[in-house]
Amino acid sequence: MKKNEKIARDVYDVINDSYSGIPMETKVSIRTAPKRISLPDNMMVFQSFAYLASTKLKPSTNRILMFFFAKSAYENFIGIDVKTLMEELKMSEPTVVNGLKELEVNNIIIKYQNPNDRRRHDYFINPTAAWKGNSYTRDIQIKKIKRNDPEQLNLFGKT
């Protein structure tokens, strides 16, 4: 007898024993939760943002953005330098620098000074554009940004 069938039989017996002498019909069903399927790493990109990015950004800037999507850690963190971007994407330094500037001006990425190496920057993808992580941490990140600089959440200057 399978484990769930044995549990159902035991529950059935307990119920029938508690109503001794009273005829009754009892049906017991046990349902187990399905096994969780592990998914590959993924990032949620919001449709309205994808439309704006595809119609307003330069193609080279979109390449940098797609690279950021591919390389971002949970909670949208990307730690990378310009030289690595140039090598990985086979782009010139001015193209990479201008692309990063375009992403920053349009509030798609948020740039921070790396705390350990002042020559480098760390980047975060705006959580209203895309998100890698769970919705709870996304909400916390959005609240934190709203407290510090609510204008950073306005993609493409929209309010």
Foldseek 3Di string as FASTA:
>chain_A
DDPQVVVQVVVVVVVDVVVPPDDDDDGDDDDDDDDDDDDDFAKFFDPVLVVCCVPPPDPLLVVVVVVQRVQADAQQKDWDALVVVCVVVVHDSVSSVVSVVVCVVQLQKDWDQDPVDNVTIMIGGQLVGMGGDDPVVSVVVLVVCCVVPNQSNRGRSHD
